[in-house]
Amino acid sequence: KQRYQPRVAITAGKEYELWKGCFSEEGNFGFGIDEHIDLGIKYDPGIGIYGMDFYVVLGRPGYRVRYRRARNSRIGPKHKVTKEEAQKWFQTKFDGILTNKKN
């Protein structure tokens, strides 16, 4: 449960609403936030207001096999996360809404 807390705080700035085009074919998705105060961070006049871009990479257990230094190997097509699975995960985990229009 601990590993999902940062994602909850990040997606809370977007009101759990993402465009379907934000998802890649490999199951990753990204979005941007115009103002950092949407995340609940206090405004500091010395810093000003700035935006952020976030990119979330989803992977199943064992996905590290591809990137480890010793005995690296390929990931099978059934083990990869697809676009549809990532969208379904977003909808079930955060009760998110997928829109056809870009905001």
C-alpha atoms as a PDB file:
ATOM      1  CA  LYS A   1       0.000   0.000   0.000  1.00  0.00           C
ATOM      2  CA  GLN A   2       2.880   2.364   0.697  1.00  0.00           C
ATOM      3  CA  ARG A   3       4.065   2.369  -2.920  1.00  0.00           C
ATOM      4  CA  TYR A   4       0.762   3.740  -4.243  1.00  0.00           C
ATOM      5  CA  GLN A   5       0.631   6.867  -2.073  1.00  0.00           C
ATOM      6  CA  PRO A   6       2.771   9.111  -4.323  1.00  0.00           C
ATOM      7  CA  ARG A   7       0.652   8.191  -7.334  1.00  0.00           C
ATOM      8  CA  VAL A   8      -2.510   9.110  -5.465  1.00  0.00           C
ATOM      9  CA  ALA A   9      -1.098  12.535  -4.631  1.00  0.00           C
ATOM     10  CA  ILE A  10       0.091  13.090  -8.194  1.00  0.00           C
ATOM     11  CA  THR A  11      -3.119  12.083  -9.929  1.00  0.00           C
ATOM     12  CA  ALA A  12      -5.220  14.017  -7.422  1.00  0.00           C
ATOM     13  CA  GLY A  13      -4.073  17.178  -9.195  1.00  0.00           C
ATOM     14  CA  LYS A  14      -5.803  16.012 -12.380  1.00  0.00           C
ATOM     15  CA  GLU A  15      -9.088  15.016 -10.664  1.00  0.00           C
ATOM     16  CA  TYR A  16      -8.579  11.411 -11.865  1.00  0.00           C
ATOM     17  CA  GLU A  17      -9.369  12.355 -15.448  1.00  0.00           C
ATOM     18  CA  LEU A  18      -6.983  11.456 -18.266  1.00  0.00           C
ATOM     19  CA  TRP A  19      -7.127  11.570 -22.033  1.00  0.00           C
ATOM     20  CA  LYS A  20      -6.933   8.165 -23.748  1.00  0.00           C
ATOM     21  CA  GLY A  21      -4.001   9.462 -25.790  1.00  0.00           C
ATOM     22  CA  CYS A  22      -1.910   9.767 -22.614  1.00  0.00           C
ATOM     23  CA  PHE A  23      -1.377   5.993 -22.630  1.00  0.00           C
ATOM     24  CA  SER A  24       1.361   4.394 -24.726  1.00  0.00           C
ATOM     25  CA  GLU A  25       1.103   0.994 -26.424  1.00  0.00           C
ATOM     26  CA  GLU A  26       3.452  -0.446 -23.787  1.00  0.00           C
ATOM     27  CA  GLY A  27       1.145   0.425 -20.895  1.00  0.00           C
ATOM     28  CA  ASN A  28       2.840   3.608 -19.682  1.00  0.00           C
ATOM     29  CA  PHE A  29       1.095   6.935 -19.278  1.00  0.00           C
ATOM     30  CA  GLY A  30       2.002  10.544 -18.695  1.00  0.00           C
ATOM     31  CA  PHE A  31       0.280  13.791 -17.837  1.00  0.00           C
ATOM     32  CA  GLY A  32       1.116  17.351 -16.897  1.00  0.00           C
ATOM     33  CA  ILE A  33       0.045  19.708 -14.139  1.00  0.00           C
ATOM     34  CA  ASP A  34      -0.061  23.442 -14.864  1.00  0.00           C
ATOM     35  CA  GLU A  35       0.378  24.685 -11.300  1.00  0.00           C
ATOM     36  CA  HIS A  36       2.213  22.937  -8.481  1.00  0.00           C
ATOM     37  CA  ILE A  37      -0.260  24.300  -5.948  1.00  0.00           C
ATOM     38  CA  ASP A  38      -2.803  21.806  -7.377  1.00  0.00           C
ATOM     39  CA  LEU A  39      -0.829  19.107  -5.518  1.00  0.00           C
ATOM     40  CA  GLY A  40      -1.410  20.798  -2.180  1.00  0.00           C
ATOM     41  CA  ILE A  41       2.043  22.373  -1.975  1.00  0.00           C
ATOM     42  CA  LYS A  42       2.034  25.774  -0.289  1.00  0.00           C
ATOM     43  CA  TYR A  43       2.706  28.782  -2.524  1.00  0.00           C
ATOM     44  CA  ASP A  44       6.087  30.444  -2.036  1.00  0.00           C
ATOM     45  CA  PRO A  45       6.491  33.944  -3.582  1.00  0.00           C
ATOM     46  CA  GLY A  46      10.233  33.374  -3.955  1.00  0.00           C
ATOM     47  CA  ILE A  47       9.699  30.373  -6.204  1.00  0.00           C
ATOM     48  CA  GLY A  48       6.544  31.372  -8.040  1.00  0.00           C
ATOM     49  CA  ILE A  49       4.223  28.974  -9.787  1.00  0.00           C
ATOM     50  CA  TYR A  50       5.609  26.168 -11.921  1.00  0.00           C
ATOM     51  CA  GLY A  51       4.166  23.161 -13.719  1.00  0.00           C
ATOM     52  CA  MET A  52       5.278  19.554 -13.779  1.00  0.00           C
ATOM     53  CA  ASP A  53       5.150  16.596 -16.142  1.00  0.00           C
ATOM     54  CA  PHE A  54       4.760  13.073 -14.770  1.00  0.00           C
ATOM     55  CA  TYR A  55       5.344   9.776 -16.529  1.00  0.00           C
ATOM     56  CA  VAL A  56       4.241   6.509 -14.916  1.00  0.00           C
ATOM     57  CA  VAL A  57       5.846   3.228 -16.005  1.00  0.00           C
ATOM     58  CA  LEU A  58       3.813   0.130 -15.155  1.00  0.00           C
ATOM     59  CA  GLY A  59       5.416  -3.297 -14.947  1.00  0.00           C
ATOM     60  CA  ARG A  60       4.684  -6.712 -13.557  1.00  0.00           C
ATOM     61  CA  PRO A  61       6.854  -8.536 -11.009  1.00  0.00           C
ATOM     62  CA  GLY A  62       9.875  -9.950 -12.810  1.00  0.00           C
ATOM     63  CA  TYR A  63      10.111  -7.067 -15.283  1.00  0.00           C
ATOM     64  CA  ARG A  64      13.570  -6.303 -13.918  1.00  0.00           C
ATOM     65  CA  VAL A  65      14.941  -9.284 -15.897  1.00  0.00           C
ATOM     66  CA  ARG A  66      15.146  -7.005 -18.908  1.00  0.00           C
ATOM     67  CA  TYR A  67      17.291  -4.338 -17.215  1.00  0.00           C
ATOM     68  CA  ARG A  68      19.515  -6.170 -14.737  1.00  0.00           C
ATOM     69  CA  ARG A  69      23.245  -6.299 -15.386  1.00  0.00           C
ATOM     70  CA  ALA A  70      23.881 -10.039 -15.148  1.00  0.00           C
ATOM     71  CA  ARG A  71      21.813 -12.621 -17.033  1.00  0.00           C
ATOM     72  CA  ASN A  72      19.455 -10.142 -18.625  1.00  0.00           C
ATOM     73  CA  SER A  73      16.815 -11.594 -20.897  1.00  0.00           C
ATOM     74  CA  ARG A  74      13.796 -10.642 -22.963  1.00  0.00           C
ATOM     75  CA  ILE A  75      10.309 -10.163 -21.625  1.00  0.00           C
ATOM     76  CA  GLY A  76       7.651 -12.300 -23.292  1.00  0.00           C
ATOM     77  CA  PRO A  77       4.697 -10.638 -24.997  1.00  0.00           C
ATOM     78  CA  LYS A  78       2.219 -12.054 -22.462  1.00  0.00           C
ATOM     79  CA  HIS A  79       4.198 -10.566 -19.569  1.00  0.00           C
ATOM     80  CA  LYS A  80       4.191  -7.006 -20.956  1.00  0.00           C
ATOM     81  CA  VAL A  81       1.550  -4.520 -19.869  1.00  0.00           C
ATOM     82  CA  THR A  82      -0.707  -3.447 -22.727  1.00  0.00           C
ATOM     83  CA  LYS A  83      -2.464  -0.138 -23.267  1.00  0.00           C
ATOM     84  CA  GLU A  84      -5.865  -1.620 -22.418  1.00  0.00           C
ATOM     85  CA  GLU A  85      -4.555  -3.186 -19.190  1.00  0.00           C
ATOM     86  CA  ALA A  86      -3.015   0.117 -18.100  1.00  0.00           C
ATOM     87  CA  GLN A  87      -6.261   1.971 -18.772  1.00  0.00           C
ATOM     88  CA  LYS A  88      -8.243  -0.635 -16.856  1.00  0.00           C
ATOM     89  CA  TRP A  89      -5.748  -0.445 -13.955  1.00  0.00           C
ATOM     90  CA  PHE A  90      -6.122   3.344 -13.831  1.00  0.00           C
ATOM     91  CA  GLN A  91      -9.912   3.109 -13.837  1.00  0.00           C
ATOM     92  CA  THR A  92     -10.084   0.469 -11.096  1.00  0.00           C
ATOM     93  CA  LYS A  93      -7.285   1.751  -8.844  1.00  0.00           C
ATOM     94  CA  PHE A  94      -8.246   5.439  -8.857  1.00  0.00           C
ATOM     95  CA  ASP A  95     -11.836   5.283 -10.139  1.00  0.00           C
ATOM     96  CA  GLY A  96     -10.461   7.310 -13.023  1.00  0.00           C
ATOM     97  CA  ILE A  97     -12.273   8.622 -16.061  1.00  0.00           C
ATOM     98  CA  LEU A  98     -10.869   8.286 -19.578  1.00  0.00           C
ATOM     99  CA  THR A  99     -11.930  10.987 -22.004  1.00  0.00           C
ATOM    100  CA  ASN A 100     -11.740  11.122 -25.799  1.00  0.00           C
ATOM    101  CA  LYS A 101     -10.874  14.827 -25.819  1.00  0.00           C
ATOM    102  CA  LYS A 102      -7.567  16.352 -24.885  1.00  0.00           C
ATOM    103  CA  ASN A 103      -7.961  18.866 -22.055  1.00  0.00           C
END
